[in-house]
Amino acid sequence: MSYYKSNDYYYNVIRKNIKKYRKEKHFTQQRLAEEADLSVDYICEIESLKKNKSFSIVTLGRIADVLEVDIKEFFTK
């Protein structure tokens, strides 16, 4: 019996939080991408629950910095 949640669960928590904080700051995906030095397509993929796209801690750090949130907030359910 496994006590671990699926990989999708963890990625989806982070994806939802990135989108939530982006919208709270009234940022478009375009603006977040530009300020985090990432592509718009990559931001779209990160926020999409349909894609199984992984992302690095460095990417999360850049996004957190731009959105001015503590990175740990991305992991809060």
C-alpha atoms as a PDB file:
ATOM      1  CA  MET A   1       0.000   0.000   0.000  1.00  0.00           C
ATOM      2  CA  SER A   2       1.429   3.354  -1.061  1.00  0.00           C
ATOM      3  CA  TYR A   3       1.260   6.393   1.192  1.00  0.00           C
ATOM      4  CA  TYR A   4       2.393   8.728  -1.558  1.00  0.00           C
ATOM      5  CA  LYS A   5       0.150  10.865  -3.675  1.00  0.00           C
ATOM      6  CA  SER A   6       0.619  10.828  -7.433  1.00  0.00           C
ATOM      7  CA  ASN A   7       3.109  13.115  -9.131  1.00  0.00           C
ATOM      8  CA  ASP A   8       0.183  14.854 -10.809  1.00  0.00           C
ATOM      9  CA  TYR A   9      -1.248  15.779  -7.413  1.00  0.00           C
ATOM     10  CA  TYR A  10       1.854  17.723  -6.388  1.00  0.00           C
ATOM     11  CA  TYR A  11       2.299  19.420  -9.746  1.00  0.00           C
ATOM     12  CA  ASN A  12      -1.378  20.379  -9.828  1.00  0.00           C
ATOM     13  CA  VAL A  13      -1.217  22.015  -6.389  1.00  0.00           C
ATOM     14  CA  ILE A  14       1.699  24.131  -7.583  1.00  0.00           C
ATOM     15  CA  ARG A  15       0.056  24.921 -10.937  1.00  0.00           C
ATOM     16  CA  LYS A  16      -3.147  26.114  -9.285  1.00  0.00           C
ATOM     17  CA  ASN A  17      -1.225  28.305  -6.859  1.00  0.00           C
ATOM     18  CA  ILE A  18       0.890  29.913  -9.558  1.00  0.00           C
ATOM     19  CA  LYS A  19      -2.259  30.794 -11.467  1.00  0.00           C
ATOM     20  CA  LYS A  20      -3.985  32.045  -8.300  1.00  0.00           C
ATOM     21  CA  TYR A  21      -1.129  34.364  -7.328  1.00  0.00           C
ATOM     22  CA  ARG A  22      -0.680  35.550 -10.917  1.00  0.00           C
ATOM     23  CA  LYS A  23      -4.334  36.547 -11.098  1.00  0.00           C
ATOM     24  CA  GLU A  24      -4.220  38.199  -7.658  1.00  0.00           C
ATOM     25  CA  LYS A  25      -1.401  40.421  -8.985  1.00  0.00           C
ATOM     26  CA  HIS A  26      -3.452  41.087 -12.140  1.00  0.00           C
ATOM     27  CA  PHE A  27      -0.630  39.708 -14.289  1.00  0.00           C
ATOM     28  CA  THR A  28      -1.266  38.176 -17.675  1.00  0.00           C
ATOM     29  CA  GLN A  29       0.668  35.083 -18.635  1.00  0.00           C
ATOM     30  CA  GLN A  30       2.569  37.316 -21.041  1.00  0.00           C
ATOM     31  CA  ARG A  31       3.672  39.713 -18.305  1.00  0.00           C
ATOM     32  CA  LEU A  32       4.683  36.898 -15.948  1.00  0.00           C
ATOM     33  CA  ALA A  33       6.671  35.253 -18.725  1.00  0.00           C
ATOM     34  CA  GLU A  34       8.478  38.475 -19.620  1.00  0.00           C
ATOM     35  CA  GLU A  35       9.337  39.379 -16.034  1.00  0.00           C
ATOM     36  CA  ALA A  36      10.456  35.838 -15.151  1.00  0.00           C
ATOM     37  CA  ASP A  37      12.460  35.539 -18.391  1.00  0.00           C
ATOM     38  CA  LEU A  38      10.411  32.536 -19.514  1.00  0.00           C
ATOM     39  CA  SER A  39       8.373  31.943 -22.640  1.00  0.00           C
ATOM     40  CA  VAL A  40       4.624  32.493 -22.686  1.00  0.00           C
ATOM     41  CA  ASP A  41       4.191  28.954 -23.975  1.00  0.00           C
ATOM     42  CA  TYR A  42       6.089  27.628 -20.967  1.00  0.00           C
ATOM     43  CA  ILE A  43       3.909  29.602 -18.526  1.00  0.00           C
ATOM     44  CA  CYS A  44       0.824  28.254 -20.313  1.00  0.00           C
ATOM     45  CA  GLU A  45       2.155  24.703 -19.999  1.00  0.00           C
ATOM     46  CA  ILE A  46       2.978  25.156 -16.323  1.00  0.00           C
ATOM     47  CA  GLU A  47      -0.526  26.424 -15.548  1.00  0.00           C
ATOM     48  CA  SER A  48      -2.266  23.802 -17.702  1.00  0.00           C
ATOM     49  CA  LEU A  49      -3.690  20.865 -15.771  1.00  0.00           C
ATOM     50  CA  LYS A  50      -3.848  18.892 -19.025  1.00  0.00           C
ATOM     51  CA  LYS A  51      -0.111  18.831 -19.611  1.00  0.00           C
ATOM     52  CA  ASN A  52       2.224  16.686 -17.582  1.00  0.00           C
ATOM     53  CA  LYS A  53       5.080  19.172 -17.777  1.00  0.00           C
ATOM     54  CA  SER A  54       7.634  19.268 -15.022  1.00  0.00           C
ATOM     55  CA  PHE A  55       9.443  22.412 -13.966  1.00  0.00           C
ATOM     56  CA  SER A  56      12.525  23.159 -11.936  1.00  0.00           C
ATOM     57  CA  ILE A  57      12.899  24.770  -8.546  1.00  0.00           C
ATOM     58  CA  VAL A  58      14.742  27.603 -10.309  1.00  0.00           C
ATOM     59  CA  THR A  59      11.681  28.233 -12.477  1.00  0.00           C
ATOM     60  CA  LEU A  60       9.465  28.250  -9.385  1.00  0.00           C
ATOM     61  CA  GLY A  61      11.873  30.656  -7.708  1.00  0.00           C
ATOM     62  CA  ARG A  62      11.760  33.079 -10.631  1.00  0.00           C
ATOM     63  CA  ILE A  63       7.972  33.001 -10.699  1.00  0.00           C
ATOM     64  CA  ALA A  64       7.761  33.474  -6.924  1.00  0.00           C
ATOM     65  CA  ASP A  65      10.144  36.437  -7.093  1.00  0.00           C
ATOM     66  CA  VAL A  66       8.164  38.118  -9.857  1.00  0.00           C
ATOM     67  CA  LEU A  67       4.851  37.548  -8.063  1.00  0.00           C
ATOM     68  CA  GLU A  68       6.417  38.622  -4.759  1.00  0.00           C
ATOM     69  CA  VAL A  69       5.299  35.521  -2.865  1.00  0.00           C
ATOM     70  CA  ASP A  70       7.265  33.129  -0.712  1.00  0.00           C
ATOM     71  CA  ILE A  71       7.994  30.036  -2.802  1.00  0.00           C
ATOM     72  CA  LYS A  72       6.530  27.834  -0.057  1.00  0.00           C
ATOM     73  CA  GLU A  73       3.094  29.295  -0.850  1.00  0.00           C
ATOM     74  CA  PHE A  74       3.128  27.354  -4.124  1.00  0.00           C
ATOM     75  CA  PHE A  75       3.070  24.102  -2.134  1.00  0.00           C
ATOM     76  CA  THR A  76       0.099  24.987   0.081  1.00  0.00           C
ATOM     77  CA  LYS A  77      -3.123  23.159  -0.668  1.00  0.00           C
END
